[in-house]
Amino acid sequence: MGSVAGSWQEKMETHPPKLVEEIVGAFIPPACREHGLGDWYELYKSPSQYLFDAGATLPFVVASQIRRTFSIQLFLSELCGLYIAFACGSFWRGPGYLYDARLLLPLALIIGAVLFILTIRDAYDDPLDESAGKKYFDAGLALTLANFAQRAIGVLTARPMLPVWLIIIGTALSVPMLVIVRKSYRKTTNHPPTFFD
C-alpha cells in the first residue's frame, strides 16, 4: 500500500502545476518560451525547485533575447528621433533653452529610459504582429513609464526635471516620430532576400 501511495506521489510530482507554469511563461520572451518551459519541465522535481531554476535562468534568457533583437541602427534612430522631438518642443522658448535651463541631463534620463523600455519590448515582441496599433502602444508605454520614472527621480533627488509643458509637447511629438522610425526600420529589415543577401 505504501509503495502504491509512493508511486502515485511520484506521478503527481512529474510536472509543474499549470498555474505556476503559466506565470513563469508570461515572463519568458515569446520566441524562446516553448524551449525554456520545455527545459524546466524536464528538470522538474518540486514547485520551489522549478521556481528557483526559472528565477536563476530567466535573466540570462531575457539578456540573450535582447542580444538577438537589439539593433544599433534602430537604437540610434530612436535616440535621434526622441532628441529631435523634445528639442522641437522646446524651440519656442529659444534655440538654446534646453542648455540654458540645464535640462540636458533630465532629457538624457528620459530618453535613456524610453530606449531601455523599447529595447525590452523588442525582446518580448511578437514578430508576427505588425499592426500600427502595437507600434503606437509601444511608443506610448515607453514614454509614459519614462515620464513616471523621471518624476520619481525628481522627487527623490529634489532636482528640477523637465517642465510639464515640455513633457506634454515632447511626448506628443515623440510618439509619431518613434512609430515612423520603427515602421521604416521593420520595412528595411524584412525585405525579401535578393541575390546579394
N, C-alpha and C. Protein backbone atom coordinates (compact mmCIF):
# COMPACT_ATOMS: atom_id res chain seq x y z
N MET A 1 0.83 -1.21 0.00
CA MET A 1 0.00 0.00 0.00
C MET A 1 0.86 1.26 0.00
N GLY A 2 1.97 1.18 0.80
CA GLY A 2 2.88 2.32 0.86
C GLY A 2 3.54 2.58 -0.47
N SER A 3 3.90 1.48 -1.20
CA SER A 3 4.57 1.66 -2.50
C SER A 3 3.61 2.26 -3.52
N VAL A 4 2.32 1.88 -3.44
CA VAL A 4 1.32 2.45 -4.36
C VAL A 4 1.17 3.94 -4.11
N ALA A 5 1.10 4.33 -2.82
CA ALA A 5 1.00 5.75 -2.48
C ALA A 5 2.24 6.50 -2.93
N GLY A 6 3.42 5.85 -2.77
CA GLY A 6 4.67 6.48 -3.19
C GLY A 6 4.71 6.69 -4.69
N SER A 7 4.29 5.68 -5.47
CA SER A 7 4.31 5.82 -6.94
C SER A 7 3.30 6.88 -7.39
N TRP A 8 2.14 6.94 -6.70
CA TRP A 8 1.15 7.96 -7.04
C TRP A 8 1.71 9.36 -6.77
N GLN A 9 2.45 9.49 -5.64
CA GLN A 9 3.09 10.77 -5.30
C GLN A 9 4.10 11.15 -6.37
N GLU A 10 4.88 10.17 -6.88
CA GLU A 10 5.87 10.45 -7.92
C GLU A 10 5.19 10.93 -9.19
N LYS A 11 4.06 10.32 -9.55
CA LYS A 11 3.34 10.73 -10.75
C LYS A 11 2.82 12.16 -10.61
N MET A 12 2.38 12.49 -9.41
CA MET A 12 1.86 13.84 -9.18
C MET A 12 2.97 14.88 -9.30
N GLU A 13 4.22 14.50 -8.98
CA GLU A 13 5.33 15.45 -8.95
C GLU A 13 6.15 15.46 -10.23
N THR A 14 5.67 14.83 -11.31
CA THR A 14 6.48 14.77 -12.53
C THR A 14 6.35 16.00 -13.41
N HIS A 15 5.38 16.86 -13.13
CA HIS A 15 5.27 18.08 -13.93
C HIS A 15 4.84 19.24 -13.04
N PRO A 16 5.22 20.46 -13.44
CA PRO A 16 4.86 21.61 -12.60
C PRO A 16 3.38 21.91 -12.66
N PRO A 17 2.83 22.52 -11.62
CA PRO A 17 1.42 22.94 -11.67
C PRO A 17 1.20 23.89 -12.84
N LYS A 18 0.05 23.76 -13.46
CA LYS A 18 -0.25 24.54 -14.67
C LYS A 18 -0.19 26.04 -14.40
N LEU A 19 -0.72 26.47 -13.25
CA LEU A 19 -0.72 27.89 -12.91
C LEU A 19 0.70 28.43 -12.78
N VAL A 20 1.57 27.68 -12.11
CA VAL A 20 2.97 28.09 -11.94
C VAL A 20 3.64 28.18 -13.30
N GLU A 21 3.39 27.20 -14.16
CA GLU A 21 4.00 27.19 -15.49
C GLU A 21 3.53 28.38 -16.33
N GLU A 22 2.25 28.74 -16.21
CA GLU A 22 1.71 29.88 -16.97
C GLU A 22 2.30 31.20 -16.45
N ILE A 23 2.46 31.32 -15.15
CA ILE A 23 3.04 32.55 -14.58
C ILE A 23 4.48 32.70 -15.02
N VAL A 24 5.25 31.62 -14.93
CA VAL A 24 6.66 31.67 -15.36
C VAL A 24 6.73 31.95 -16.86
N GLY A 25 5.86 31.32 -17.63
CA GLY A 25 5.85 31.51 -19.09
C GLY A 25 5.58 32.94 -19.50
N ALA A 26 4.80 33.67 -18.69
CA ALA A 26 4.49 35.06 -19.02
C ALA A 26 5.73 35.95 -18.97
N PHE A 27 6.76 35.54 -18.21
CA PHE A 27 7.98 36.33 -18.10
C PHE A 27 9.02 35.98 -19.16
N ILE A 28 8.78 34.92 -19.92
CA ILE A 28 9.75 34.49 -20.94
C ILE A 28 9.39 35.13 -22.27
N PRO A 29 10.37 35.68 -23.00
CA PRO A 29 10.07 36.22 -24.34
C PRO A 29 9.44 35.15 -25.23
N PRO A 30 8.42 35.50 -26.02
CA PRO A 30 7.68 34.50 -26.82
C PRO A 30 8.57 33.65 -27.72
N ALA A 31 9.64 34.23 -28.25
CA ALA A 31 10.50 33.49 -29.19
C ALA A 31 11.19 32.29 -28.54
N CYS A 32 11.43 32.36 -27.22
CA CYS A 32 12.11 31.24 -26.56
C CYS A 32 11.27 30.63 -25.44
N ARG A 33 9.97 30.92 -25.43
CA ARG A 33 9.10 30.44 -24.35
C ARG A 33 8.96 28.92 -24.37
N GLU A 34 8.66 28.36 -25.52
CA GLU A 34 8.43 26.91 -25.61
C GLU A 34 9.68 26.13 -25.22
N HIS A 35 10.83 26.60 -25.69
CA HIS A 35 12.09 25.92 -25.39
C HIS A 35 12.42 26.00 -23.89
N GLY A 36 12.27 27.22 -23.32
CA GLY A 36 12.58 27.40 -21.90
C GLY A 36 11.66 26.59 -21.00
N LEU A 37 10.36 26.64 -21.27
CA LEU A 37 9.41 25.86 -20.46
C LEU A 37 9.66 24.37 -20.60
N GLY A 38 10.04 23.94 -21.80
CA GLY A 38 10.33 22.52 -22.02
C GLY A 38 11.52 22.05 -21.19
N ASP A 39 12.58 22.87 -21.17
CA ASP A 39 13.76 22.52 -20.37
C ASP A 39 13.43 22.44 -18.89
N TRP A 40 12.70 23.42 -18.38
CA TRP A 40 12.36 23.42 -16.96
C TRP A 40 11.37 22.31 -16.62
N TYR A 41 10.52 21.97 -17.58
CA TYR A 41 9.57 20.87 -17.39
C TYR A 41 10.33 19.56 -17.16
N GLU A 42 11.37 19.32 -17.97
CA GLU A 42 12.15 18.08 -17.86
C GLU A 42 12.92 18.00 -16.55
N LEU A 43 13.33 19.15 -16.02
CA LEU A 43 14.12 19.17 -14.79
C LEU A 43 13.26 19.27 -13.53
N TYR A 44 11.92 19.25 -13.69
CA TYR A 44 11.03 19.50 -12.57
C TYR A 44 11.14 18.42 -11.49
N LYS A 45 11.25 18.88 -10.22
CA LYS A 45 11.21 17.99 -9.06
C LYS A 45 10.17 18.46 -8.07
N SER A 46 10.09 19.78 -7.87
CA SER A 46 9.11 20.35 -6.94
C SER A 46 8.83 21.79 -7.37
N PRO A 47 7.70 22.35 -6.91
CA PRO A 47 7.40 23.74 -7.30
C PRO A 47 8.49 24.73 -6.89
N SER A 48 9.05 24.56 -5.69
CA SER A 48 10.08 25.50 -5.24
C SER A 48 11.34 25.38 -6.09
N GLN A 49 11.72 24.15 -6.43
CA GLN A 49 12.90 23.94 -7.28
C GLN A 49 12.66 24.50 -8.68
N TYR A 50 11.43 24.34 -9.19
CA TYR A 50 11.06 24.84 -10.51
C TYR A 50 11.17 26.37 -10.54
N LEU A 51 10.62 27.03 -9.51
CA LEU A 51 10.67 28.48 -9.44
C LEU A 51 12.10 28.98 -9.26
N PHE A 52 12.90 28.25 -8.49
CA PHE A 52 14.30 28.64 -8.30
C PHE A 52 15.06 28.55 -9.62
N ASP A 53 14.88 27.43 -10.34
CA ASP A 53 15.55 27.27 -11.64
C ASP A 53 15.12 28.36 -12.62
N ALA A 54 13.82 28.62 -12.66
CA ALA A 54 13.31 29.64 -13.58
C ALA A 54 13.86 31.02 -13.20
N GLY A 55 13.85 31.34 -11.92
CA GLY A 55 14.36 32.64 -11.46
C GLY A 55 15.83 32.83 -11.73
N ALA A 56 16.60 31.73 -11.59
CA ALA A 56 18.05 31.81 -11.82
C ALA A 56 18.39 31.91 -13.29
N THR A 57 17.58 31.30 -14.14
CA THR A 57 17.88 31.24 -15.57
C THR A 57 17.25 32.37 -16.37
N LEU A 58 16.10 32.85 -15.92
CA LEU A 58 15.32 33.83 -16.68
C LEU A 58 16.10 35.08 -17.08
N PRO A 59 16.89 35.70 -16.19
CA PRO A 59 17.65 36.89 -16.62
C PRO A 59 18.57 36.61 -17.80
N PHE A 60 19.16 35.41 -17.84
CA PHE A 60 20.06 35.06 -18.95
C PHE A 60 19.28 34.83 -20.24
N VAL A 61 18.08 34.26 -20.10
CA VAL A 61 17.22 34.05 -21.27
C VAL A 61 16.81 35.39 -21.87
N VAL A 62 16.39 36.33 -21.01
CA VAL A 62 15.97 37.65 -21.47
C VAL A 62 17.16 38.39 -22.08
N ALA A 63 18.32 38.34 -21.41
CA ALA A 63 19.52 39.01 -21.94
C ALA A 63 19.91 38.44 -23.30
N SER A 64 19.81 37.14 -23.45
CA SER A 64 20.13 36.50 -24.73
C SER A 64 19.17 36.96 -25.82
N GLN A 65 17.89 37.07 -25.49
CA GLN A 65 16.91 37.53 -26.48
C GLN A 65 17.11 39.00 -26.82
N ILE A 66 17.49 39.81 -25.83
CA ILE A 66 17.80 41.22 -26.10
C ILE A 66 18.98 41.30 -27.06
N ARG A 67 19.99 40.48 -26.84
CA ARG A 67 21.17 40.48 -27.72
C ARG A 67 20.77 40.12 -29.15
N ARG A 68 19.83 39.19 -29.30
CA ARG A 68 19.39 38.78 -30.64
C ARG A 68 18.56 39.86 -31.33
N THR A 69 17.73 40.57 -30.57
CA THR A 69 16.81 41.53 -31.19
C THR A 69 17.36 42.95 -31.24
N PHE A 70 18.45 43.22 -30.52
CA PHE A 70 18.98 44.58 -30.47
C PHE A 70 19.60 44.97 -31.80
N SER A 71 19.31 46.19 -32.23
CA SER A 71 19.88 46.73 -33.46
C SER A 71 20.42 48.13 -33.17
N ILE A 72 21.70 48.33 -33.42
CA ILE A 72 22.31 49.63 -33.16
C ILE A 72 21.71 50.70 -34.08
N GLN A 73 21.35 50.30 -35.31
CA GLN A 73 20.76 51.27 -36.24
C GLN A 73 19.41 51.78 -35.71
N LEU A 74 18.57 50.85 -35.25
CA LEU A 74 17.27 51.24 -34.70
C LEU A 74 17.46 52.06 -33.43
N PHE A 75 18.38 51.65 -32.57
CA PHE A 75 18.64 52.35 -31.30
C PHE A 75 19.05 53.80 -31.56
N LEU A 76 20.00 54.01 -32.48
CA LEU A 76 20.47 55.37 -32.77
C LEU A 76 19.39 56.20 -33.47
N SER A 77 18.59 55.55 -34.31
CA SER A 77 17.49 56.27 -34.98
C SER A 77 16.45 56.73 -33.96
N GLU A 78 16.12 55.85 -33.00
CA GLU A 78 15.17 56.23 -31.94
C GLU A 78 15.75 57.33 -31.06
N LEU A 79 17.04 57.24 -30.76
CA LEU A 79 17.71 58.27 -29.97
C LEU A 79 17.60 59.64 -30.65
N CYS A 80 17.92 59.68 -31.95
CA CYS A 80 17.84 60.94 -32.70
C CYS A 80 16.40 61.44 -32.77
N GLY A 81 15.46 60.52 -33.02
CA GLY A 81 14.05 60.91 -33.12
C GLY A 81 13.54 61.51 -31.82
N LEU A 82 13.90 60.91 -30.69
CA LEU A 82 13.46 61.42 -29.39
C LEU A 82 14.07 62.79 -29.10
N TYR A 83 15.36 62.94 -29.38
CA TYR A 83 16.00 64.23 -29.12
C TYR A 83 15.40 65.33 -30.00
N ILE A 84 15.19 65.01 -31.28
CA ILE A 84 14.58 65.99 -32.19
C ILE A 84 13.19 66.39 -31.71
N ALA A 85 12.40 65.41 -31.27
CA ALA A 85 11.03 65.70 -30.81
C ALA A 85 11.04 66.65 -29.61
N PHE A 86 11.88 66.36 -28.62
CA PHE A 86 11.91 67.22 -27.43
C PHE A 86 12.57 68.57 -27.73
N ALA A 87 13.57 68.57 -28.59
CA ALA A 87 14.21 69.83 -28.97
C ALA A 87 13.22 70.72 -29.72
N CYS A 88 12.43 70.13 -30.63
CA CYS A 88 11.40 70.91 -31.34
C CYS A 88 10.34 71.42 -30.38
N GLY A 89 10.01 70.59 -29.37
CA GLY A 89 9.02 71.01 -28.38
C GLY A 89 9.47 72.19 -27.56
N SER A 90 10.79 72.34 -27.39
CA SER A 90 11.31 73.44 -26.57
C SER A 90 11.71 74.65 -27.40
N PHE A 91 11.63 74.54 -28.71
CA PHE A 91 12.19 75.57 -29.59
C PHE A 91 11.50 76.92 -29.44
N TRP A 92 10.22 76.93 -29.09
CA TRP A 92 9.50 78.21 -28.96
C TRP A 92 10.02 79.04 -27.80
N ARG A 93 10.75 78.40 -26.88
CA ARG A 93 11.37 79.14 -25.78
C ARG A 93 12.77 79.64 -26.13
N GLY A 94 13.20 79.36 -27.34
CA GLY A 94 14.53 79.79 -27.80
C GLY A 94 15.38 78.58 -28.16
N PRO A 95 16.30 78.75 -29.13
CA PRO A 95 17.09 77.61 -29.60
C PRO A 95 18.00 76.99 -28.54
N GLY A 96 18.42 77.79 -27.56
CA GLY A 96 19.33 77.26 -26.53
C GLY A 96 18.63 76.97 -25.21
N TYR A 97 17.31 76.81 -25.23
CA TYR A 97 16.55 76.68 -23.98
C TYR A 97 17.00 75.47 -23.16
N LEU A 98 17.12 74.31 -23.78
CA LEU A 98 17.49 73.10 -23.03
C LEU A 98 18.83 73.25 -22.34
N TYR A 99 19.78 73.88 -23.03
CA TYR A 99 21.11 74.08 -22.45
C TYR A 99 21.07 75.16 -21.37
N ASP A 100 20.41 76.28 -21.69
CA ASP A 100 20.37 77.40 -20.74
C ASP A 100 19.64 77.04 -19.45
N ALA A 101 18.57 76.24 -19.57
CA ALA A 101 17.79 75.85 -18.38
C ALA A 101 18.36 74.62 -17.69
N ARG A 102 19.50 74.14 -18.17
CA ARG A 102 20.16 72.95 -17.60
C ARG A 102 19.24 71.73 -17.59
N LEU A 103 18.60 71.52 -18.72
CA LEU A 103 17.67 70.40 -18.83
C LEU A 103 18.21 69.26 -19.69
N LEU A 104 19.48 69.33 -20.08
CA LEU A 104 20.04 68.27 -20.93
C LEU A 104 20.16 66.95 -20.17
N LEU A 105 20.56 67.00 -18.89
CA LEU A 105 20.66 65.76 -18.10
C LEU A 105 19.29 65.12 -17.87
N PRO A 106 18.27 65.89 -17.41
CA PRO A 106 16.94 65.28 -17.29
C PRO A 106 16.43 64.72 -18.62
N LEU A 107 16.71 65.43 -19.72
CA LEU A 107 16.29 64.95 -21.03
C LEU A 107 17.01 63.66 -21.38
N ALA A 108 18.31 63.59 -21.06
CA ALA A 108 19.07 62.36 -21.31
C ALA A 108 18.51 61.20 -20.50
N LEU A 109 18.08 61.46 -19.26
CA LEU A 109 17.50 60.41 -18.42
C LEU A 109 16.20 59.88 -19.02
N ILE A 110 15.36 60.79 -19.49
CA ILE A 110 14.07 60.36 -20.04
C ILE A 110 14.28 59.62 -21.36
N ILE A 111 15.21 60.09 -22.20
CA ILE A 111 15.49 59.41 -23.46
C ILE A 111 16.09 58.04 -23.18
N GLY A 112 17.01 57.96 -22.21
CA GLY A 112 17.60 56.66 -21.85
C GLY A 112 16.57 55.67 -21.35
N ALA A 113 15.62 56.16 -20.53
CA ALA A 113 14.56 55.28 -20.02
C ALA A 113 13.67 54.78 -21.15
N VAL A 114 13.32 55.67 -22.09
CA VAL A 114 12.48 55.27 -23.22
C VAL A 114 13.20 54.21 -24.06
N LEU A 115 14.49 54.43 -24.34
CA LEU A 115 15.25 53.48 -25.15
C LEU A 115 15.39 52.13 -24.44
N PHE A 116 15.57 52.16 -23.13
CA PHE A 116 15.67 50.92 -22.35
C PHE A 116 14.36 50.13 -22.44
N ILE A 117 13.23 50.82 -22.26
CA ILE A 117 11.92 50.15 -22.30
C ILE A 117 11.64 49.60 -23.69
N LEU A 118 11.97 50.36 -24.74
CA LEU A 118 11.75 49.88 -26.11
C LEU A 118 12.64 48.68 -26.43
N THR A 119 13.85 48.66 -25.89
CA THR A 119 14.75 47.52 -26.10
C THR A 119 14.17 46.27 -25.45
N ILE A 120 13.63 46.41 -24.24
CA ILE A 120 12.98 45.28 -23.57
C ILE A 120 11.75 44.84 -24.35
N ARG A 121 10.95 45.80 -24.82
CA ARG A 121 9.75 45.47 -25.60
C ARG A 121 10.11 44.71 -26.87
N ASP A 122 11.22 45.08 -27.50
CA ASP A 122 11.65 44.37 -28.71
C ASP A 122 11.99 42.91 -28.41
N ALA A 123 12.57 42.67 -27.23
CA ALA A 123 12.90 41.29 -26.85
C ALA A 123 11.64 40.46 -26.67
N TYR A 124 10.56 41.09 -26.20
CA TYR A 124 9.29 40.38 -25.97
C TYR A 124 8.33 40.53 -27.15
N ASP A 125 8.82 41.07 -28.24
CA ASP A 125 7.97 41.35 -29.40
C ASP A 125 7.53 40.07 -30.08
N ASP A 126 6.30 40.09 -30.55
CA ASP A 126 5.78 39.00 -31.38
C ASP A 126 6.06 39.38 -32.83
N PRO A 127 6.98 38.68 -33.52
CA PRO A 127 7.35 39.08 -34.87
C PRO A 127 6.20 39.01 -35.87
N LEU A 128 5.14 38.27 -35.55
CA LEU A 128 4.01 38.16 -36.46
C LEU A 128 3.04 39.33 -36.34
N ASP A 129 3.13 40.10 -35.24
CA ASP A 129 2.22 41.22 -35.02
C ASP A 129 2.85 42.50 -35.56
N GLU A 130 2.42 42.92 -36.74
CA GLU A 130 2.95 44.12 -37.38
C GLU A 130 1.94 45.26 -37.38
N SER A 131 0.96 45.22 -36.50
CA SER A 131 -0.10 46.23 -36.50
C SER A 131 0.44 47.59 -36.07
N ALA A 132 -0.14 48.64 -36.67
CA ALA A 132 0.26 50.01 -36.32
C ALA A 132 -0.11 50.31 -34.87
N GLY A 133 -1.24 49.75 -34.40
CA GLY A 133 -1.67 49.97 -33.02
C GLY A 133 -0.63 49.52 -32.02
N LYS A 134 0.05 48.40 -32.31
CA LYS A 134 1.08 47.90 -31.40
C LYS A 134 2.26 48.86 -31.34
N LYS A 135 2.62 49.44 -32.48
CA LYS A 135 3.73 50.39 -32.51
C LYS A 135 3.39 51.65 -31.70
N TYR A 136 2.15 52.14 -31.84
CA TYR A 136 1.73 53.29 -31.04
C TYR A 136 1.69 52.93 -29.56
N PHE A 137 1.24 51.72 -29.25
CA PHE A 137 1.19 51.27 -27.85
C PHE A 137 2.60 51.21 -27.27
N ASP A 138 3.55 50.62 -28.02
CA ASP A 138 4.93 50.51 -27.54
C ASP A 138 5.52 51.89 -27.25
N ALA A 139 5.35 52.82 -28.20
CA ALA A 139 5.91 54.16 -28.03
C ALA A 139 5.24 54.88 -26.87
N GLY A 140 3.91 54.79 -26.78
CA GLY A 140 3.18 55.44 -25.69
C GLY A 140 3.54 54.87 -24.33
N LEU A 141 3.64 53.54 -24.26
CA LEU A 141 4.01 52.89 -22.99
C LEU A 141 5.40 53.32 -22.55
N ALA A 142 6.36 53.31 -23.47
CA ALA A 142 7.73 53.67 -23.13
C ALA A 142 7.81 55.11 -22.63
N LEU A 143 7.14 56.02 -23.31
CA LEU A 143 7.18 57.43 -22.91
C LEU A 143 6.46 57.65 -21.57
N THR A 144 5.35 56.96 -21.37
CA THR A 144 4.61 57.10 -20.11
C THR A 144 5.45 56.62 -18.93
N LEU A 145 6.04 55.43 -19.06
CA LEU A 145 6.87 54.88 -17.98
C LEU A 145 8.09 55.75 -17.74
N ALA A 146 8.69 56.26 -18.82
CA ALA A 146 9.87 57.12 -18.67
C ALA A 146 9.51 58.42 -17.95
N ASN A 147 8.35 58.97 -18.26
CA ASN A 147 7.92 60.20 -17.58
C ASN A 147 7.66 59.97 -16.10
N PHE A 148 7.06 58.82 -15.76
CA PHE A 148 6.86 58.48 -14.35
C PHE A 148 8.21 58.33 -13.64
N ALA A 149 9.15 57.65 -14.31
CA ALA A 149 10.49 57.46 -13.72
C ALA A 149 11.18 58.79 -13.53
N GLN A 150 11.05 59.67 -14.51
CA GLN A 150 11.69 60.98 -14.42
C GLN A 150 11.12 61.80 -13.27
N ARG A 151 9.80 61.74 -13.10
CA ARG A 151 9.16 62.45 -11.99
C ARG A 151 9.59 61.87 -10.64
N ALA A 152 9.69 60.54 -10.58
CA ALA A 152 10.12 59.89 -9.33
C ALA A 152 11.55 60.29 -8.98
N ILE A 153 12.42 60.34 -9.99
CA ILE A 153 13.81 60.76 -9.74
C ILE A 153 13.82 62.20 -9.25
N GLY A 154 12.98 63.06 -9.84
CA GLY A 154 12.91 64.46 -9.42
C GLY A 154 12.46 64.62 -7.98
N VAL A 155 11.50 63.79 -7.58
CA VAL A 155 11.02 63.84 -6.19
C VAL A 155 12.10 63.36 -5.23
N LEU A 156 12.78 62.27 -5.59
CA LEU A 156 13.79 61.69 -4.70
C LEU A 156 15.02 62.58 -4.57
N THR A 157 15.45 63.19 -5.67
CA THR A 157 16.67 63.99 -5.64
C THR A 157 16.41 65.46 -5.39
N ALA A 158 15.13 65.87 -5.44
CA ALA A 158 14.75 67.28 -5.26
C ALA A 158 15.45 68.18 -6.27
N ARG A 159 15.71 67.62 -7.47
CA ARG A 159 16.33 68.41 -8.53
C ARG A 159 15.27 68.71 -9.60
N PRO A 160 15.40 69.83 -10.28
CA PRO A 160 14.40 70.15 -11.31
C PRO A 160 14.49 69.18 -12.48
N MET A 161 13.34 68.69 -12.88
CA MET A 161 13.25 67.82 -14.04
C MET A 161 12.62 68.60 -15.19
N LEU A 162 12.24 67.93 -16.23
CA LEU A 162 11.63 68.61 -17.37
C LEU A 162 10.31 69.25 -16.97
N PRO A 163 10.04 70.48 -17.45
CA PRO A 163 8.74 71.08 -17.15
C PRO A 163 7.60 70.28 -17.76
N VAL A 164 6.43 70.39 -17.15
CA VAL A 164 5.28 69.62 -17.60
C VAL A 164 4.92 69.94 -19.05
N TRP A 165 4.98 71.22 -19.43
CA TRP A 165 4.64 71.59 -20.80
C TRP A 165 5.58 70.94 -21.81
N LEU A 166 6.87 70.82 -21.44
CA LEU A 166 7.83 70.19 -22.35
C LEU A 166 7.60 68.68 -22.45
N ILE A 167 7.22 68.07 -21.33
CA ILE A 167 6.91 66.64 -21.35
C ILE A 167 5.70 66.37 -22.26
N ILE A 168 4.68 67.22 -22.15
CA ILE A 168 3.47 67.01 -22.96
C ILE A 168 3.77 67.20 -24.45
N ILE A 169 4.45 68.31 -24.80
CA ILE A 169 4.77 68.57 -26.20
C ILE A 169 5.75 67.54 -26.73
N GLY A 170 6.80 67.25 -25.95
CA GLY A 170 7.81 66.28 -26.38
C GLY A 170 7.23 64.89 -26.58
N THR A 171 6.33 64.48 -25.69
CA THR A 171 5.69 63.17 -25.82
C THR A 171 4.79 63.14 -27.04
N ALA A 172 4.02 64.22 -27.24
CA ALA A 172 3.12 64.27 -28.41
C ALA A 172 3.89 64.20 -29.72
N LEU A 173 5.09 64.80 -29.77
CA LEU A 173 5.91 64.75 -30.98
C LEU A 173 6.68 63.43 -31.08
N SER A 174 7.04 62.84 -29.94
CA SER A 174 7.85 61.62 -29.93
C SER A 174 7.10 60.40 -30.42
N VAL A 175 5.82 60.28 -30.05
CA VAL A 175 5.07 59.07 -30.40
C VAL A 175 5.04 58.85 -31.91
N PRO A 176 4.59 59.85 -32.72
CA PRO A 176 4.62 59.59 -34.17
C PRO A 176 6.03 59.43 -34.72
N MET A 177 7.00 60.14 -34.13
CA MET A 177 8.39 60.01 -34.58
C MET A 177 8.89 58.58 -34.36
N LEU A 178 8.62 58.01 -33.18
CA LEU A 178 9.05 56.64 -32.90
C LEU A 178 8.33 55.63 -33.79
N VAL A 179 7.03 55.86 -34.02
CA VAL A 179 6.27 54.94 -34.88
C VAL A 179 6.85 54.94 -36.29
N ILE A 180 7.16 56.12 -36.82
CA ILE A 180 7.74 56.22 -38.17
C ILE A 180 9.09 55.52 -38.22
N VAL A 181 9.95 55.78 -37.23
CA VAL A 181 11.28 55.16 -37.20
C VAL A 181 11.17 53.64 -37.13
N ARG A 182 10.33 53.15 -36.22
CA ARG A 182 10.23 51.70 -36.04
C ARG A 182 9.57 51.02 -37.23
N LYS A 183 8.59 51.69 -37.85
CA LYS A 183 7.93 51.11 -39.01
C LYS A 183 8.89 51.06 -40.20
N SER A 184 9.64 52.14 -40.42
CA SER A 184 10.58 52.15 -41.55
C SER A 184 11.73 51.17 -41.32
N TYR A 185 12.14 51.00 -40.05
CA TYR A 185 13.19 50.02 -39.76
C TYR A 185 12.71 48.61 -40.06
N ARG A 186 11.48 48.29 -39.68
CA ARG A 186 10.93 46.95 -39.95
C ARG A 186 10.85 46.68 -41.45
N LYS A 187 10.50 47.74 -42.24
CA LYS A 187 10.42 47.54 -43.69
C LYS A 187 11.78 47.22 -44.29
N THR A 188 12.82 47.90 -43.80
CA THR A 188 14.16 47.67 -44.37
C THR A 188 14.74 46.34 -43.92
N THR A 189 14.38 45.87 -42.72
CA THR A 189 14.94 44.60 -42.24
C THR A 189 14.13 43.40 -42.69
N ASN A 190 12.87 43.60 -43.06
CA ASN A 190 12.02 42.48 -43.50
C ASN A 190 11.89 42.41 -45.01
N HIS A 191 12.85 43.00 -45.74
CA HIS A 191 12.75 42.95 -47.20
C HIS A 191 13.03 41.54 -47.68
N PRO A 192 12.45 41.14 -48.83
CA PRO A 192 12.71 39.79 -49.33
C PRO A 192 14.16 39.63 -49.73
N PRO A 193 14.74 38.44 -49.54
CA PRO A 193 16.14 38.26 -49.86
C PRO A 193 16.41 38.45 -51.34
N THR A 194 17.54 39.08 -51.65
CA THR A 194 17.96 39.27 -53.04
C THR A 194 19.15 38.37 -53.32
N PHE A 195 19.66 38.46 -54.52
CA PHE A 195 20.79 37.65 -54.94
C PHE A 195 22.01 37.91 -54.06
N PHE A 196 22.15 39.15 -53.58
CA PHE A 196 23.35 39.54 -52.83
C PHE A 196 23.21 39.30 -51.34
N ASP A 197 22.01 38.94 -50.82
CA ASP A 197 21.81 38.72 -49.38
C ASP A 197 22.43 37.42 -48.93
